[in-house]
Amino acid sequence: MNFNVIIDWKSFLAIGATAVGIILVTKIDSAAAKEVLIQAIDTCGNLAIVDNSNC
């Protein structure tokens, strides 16, 4: 029997984001966590805009 396991990079990204989220919830106060999450959302938005541009 042959088993092929294919792991996409998005699954690693999701696991990493989950780990970071757990660390944020347990270690950082709410104001600092808010700032970190706002920065992460802005960064993802900027990357999405750059990725979809045809320059």
N, C-alpha and C. Protein backbone atom coordinates (compact mmCIF):
# COMPACT_ATOMS: atom_id res chain seq x y z
N MET A 1 0.83 -1.18 0.00
CA MET A 1 0.00 0.00 0.00
C MET A 1 0.88 1.24 0.00
N ASN A 2 0.53 2.14 -0.85
CA ASN A 2 1.23 3.41 -0.91
C ASN A 2 0.34 4.51 -0.34
N PHE A 3 0.90 5.29 0.54
CA PHE A 3 0.19 6.43 1.10
C PHE A 3 0.94 7.69 0.73
N ASN A 4 0.26 8.61 0.12
CA ASN A 4 0.85 9.90 -0.19
C ASN A 4 0.24 10.94 0.74
N VAL A 5 1.11 11.67 1.42
CA VAL A 5 0.66 12.73 2.31
C VAL A 5 1.13 14.05 1.74
N ILE A 6 0.19 14.91 1.45
CA ILE A 6 0.52 16.23 0.92
C ILE A 6 0.07 17.26 1.94
N ILE A 7 1.00 18.05 2.41
CA ILE A 7 0.69 19.09 3.39
C ILE A 7 0.90 20.44 2.71
N ASP A 8 -0.15 21.21 2.68
CA ASP A 8 -0.10 22.51 2.03
C ASP A 8 0.51 23.54 2.99
N TRP A 9 1.13 24.56 2.44
CA TRP A 9 1.74 25.60 3.27
C TRP A 9 0.69 26.34 4.08
N LYS A 10 -0.53 26.36 3.61
CA LYS A 10 -1.59 27.07 4.34
C LYS A 10 -1.91 26.37 5.65
N SER A 11 -1.75 25.06 5.70
CA SER A 11 -2.00 24.36 6.97
C SER A 11 -0.94 24.74 8.00
N PHE A 12 0.32 24.88 7.59
CA PHE A 12 1.35 25.33 8.51
C PHE A 12 1.09 26.76 8.97
N LEU A 13 0.61 27.59 8.06
CA LEU A 13 0.27 28.96 8.41
C LEU A 13 -0.85 29.00 9.43
N ALA A 14 -1.86 28.16 9.25
CA ALA A 14 -2.98 28.12 10.19
C ALA A 14 -2.53 27.62 11.56
N ILE A 15 -1.66 26.62 11.59
CA ILE A 15 -1.15 26.11 12.87
C ILE A 15 -0.33 27.19 13.57
N GLY A 16 0.49 27.89 12.83
CA GLY A 16 1.29 28.97 13.41
C GLY A 16 0.43 30.11 13.93
N ALA A 17 -0.59 30.48 13.16
CA ALA A 17 -1.49 31.55 13.61
C ALA A 17 -2.24 31.15 14.86
N THR A 18 -2.62 29.90 14.95
CA THR A 18 -3.29 29.41 16.15
C THR A 18 -2.37 29.48 17.37
N ALA A 19 -1.13 29.07 17.18
CA ALA A 19 -0.16 29.12 18.29
C ALA A 19 0.07 30.56 18.74
N VAL A 20 0.22 31.46 17.80
CA VAL A 20 0.42 32.87 18.15
C VAL A 20 -0.81 33.42 18.85
N GLY A 21 -1.99 33.04 18.40
CA GLY A 21 -3.22 33.50 19.04
C GLY A 21 -3.32 33.02 20.48
N ILE A 22 -2.95 31.78 20.71
CA ILE A 22 -2.98 31.25 22.08
C ILE A 22 -1.99 31.98 22.97
N ILE A 23 -0.81 32.25 22.45
CA ILE A 23 0.20 32.98 23.23
C ILE A 23 -0.29 34.39 23.53
N LEU A 24 -0.91 35.04 22.54
CA LEU A 24 -1.44 36.39 22.76
C LEU A 24 -2.50 36.40 23.87
N VAL A 25 -3.36 35.41 23.84
CA VAL A 25 -4.44 35.36 24.82
C VAL A 25 -3.90 35.12 26.23
N THR A 26 -2.88 34.31 26.34
CA THR A 26 -2.42 33.94 27.68
C THR A 26 -1.36 34.86 28.25
N LYS A 27 -0.57 35.51 27.42
CA LYS A 27 0.59 36.23 27.94
C LYS A 27 0.47 37.76 27.89
N ILE A 28 -0.28 38.31 26.96
CA ILE A 28 -0.25 39.74 26.71
C ILE A 28 -1.53 40.38 27.23
N ASP A 29 -1.43 41.60 27.76
CA ASP A 29 -2.63 42.30 28.20
C ASP A 29 -3.47 42.72 26.99
N SER A 30 -4.70 43.08 27.24
CA SER A 30 -5.65 43.29 26.15
C SER A 30 -5.27 44.45 25.24
N ALA A 31 -4.72 45.52 25.78
CA ALA A 31 -4.35 46.68 24.95
C ALA A 31 -3.23 46.32 23.98
N ALA A 32 -2.23 45.60 24.47
CA ALA A 32 -1.12 45.21 23.60
C ALA A 32 -1.58 44.19 22.56
N ALA A 33 -2.45 43.26 22.97
CA ALA A 33 -2.97 42.28 22.01
C ALA A 33 -3.76 42.96 20.91
N LYS A 34 -4.53 43.98 21.27
CA LYS A 34 -5.31 44.73 20.28
C LYS A 34 -4.38 45.38 19.26
N GLU A 35 -3.31 46.00 19.71
CA GLU A 35 -2.36 46.65 18.81
C GLU A 35 -1.68 45.63 17.88
N VAL A 36 -1.31 44.49 18.43
CA VAL A 36 -0.67 43.45 17.62
C VAL A 36 -1.63 42.94 16.55
N LEU A 37 -2.88 42.70 16.93
CA LEU A 37 -3.86 42.19 15.97
C LEU A 37 -4.18 43.22 14.90
N ILE A 38 -4.27 44.49 15.27
CA ILE A 38 -4.51 45.54 14.27
C ILE A 38 -3.36 45.59 13.28
N GLN A 39 -2.13 45.50 13.78
CA GLN A 39 -0.95 45.51 12.89
C GLN A 39 -0.96 44.30 11.97
N ALA A 40 -1.31 43.13 12.49
CA ALA A 40 -1.34 41.92 11.67
C ALA A 40 -2.41 42.01 10.59
N ILE A 41 -3.57 42.55 10.93
CA ILE A 41 -4.65 42.71 9.94
C ILE A 41 -4.24 43.69 8.86
N ASP A 42 -3.61 44.81 9.25
CA ASP A 42 -3.14 45.78 8.26
C ASP A 42 -2.09 45.17 7.34
N THR A 43 -1.19 44.39 7.90
CA THR A 43 -0.15 43.75 7.09
C THR A 43 -0.76 42.77 6.09
N CYS A 44 -1.71 41.96 6.55
CA CYS A 44 -2.36 41.01 5.64
C CYS A 44 -3.12 41.73 4.55
N GLY A 45 -3.78 42.83 4.90
CA GLY A 45 -4.49 43.61 3.89
C GLY A 45 -3.55 44.19 2.85
N ASN A 46 -2.41 44.71 3.31
CA ASN A 46 -1.43 45.25 2.37
C ASN A 46 -0.85 44.17 1.47
N LEU A 47 -0.59 43.00 2.03
CA LEU A 47 -0.08 41.90 1.21
C LEU A 47 -1.11 41.44 0.18
N ALA A 48 -2.38 41.45 0.55
CA ALA A 48 -3.43 41.06 -0.39
C ALA A 48 -3.53 42.06 -1.52
N ILE A 49 -3.39 43.35 -1.22
CA ILE A 49 -3.45 44.37 -2.26
C ILE A 49 -2.26 44.23 -3.20
N VAL A 50 -1.07 44.03 -2.64
CA VAL A 50 0.13 43.89 -3.47
C VAL A 50 0.05 42.62 -4.31
N ASP A 51 -0.46 41.54 -3.74
CA ASP A 51 -0.54 40.27 -4.44
C ASP A 51 -1.51 40.34 -5.62
N ASN A 52 -2.58 41.13 -5.49
CA ASN A 52 -3.58 41.22 -6.55
C ASN A 52 -3.28 42.30 -7.59
N SER A 53 -2.26 43.10 -7.37
CA SER A 53 -1.95 44.16 -8.33
C SER A 53 -1.23 43.58 -9.55
N ASN A 54 -1.34 44.27 -10.66
CA ASN A 54 -0.72 43.80 -11.91
C ASN A 54 0.44 44.69 -12.32
N CYS A 55 1.13 45.27 -11.37
CA CYS A 55 2.25 46.16 -11.69
C CYS A 55 3.44 45.40 -12.17
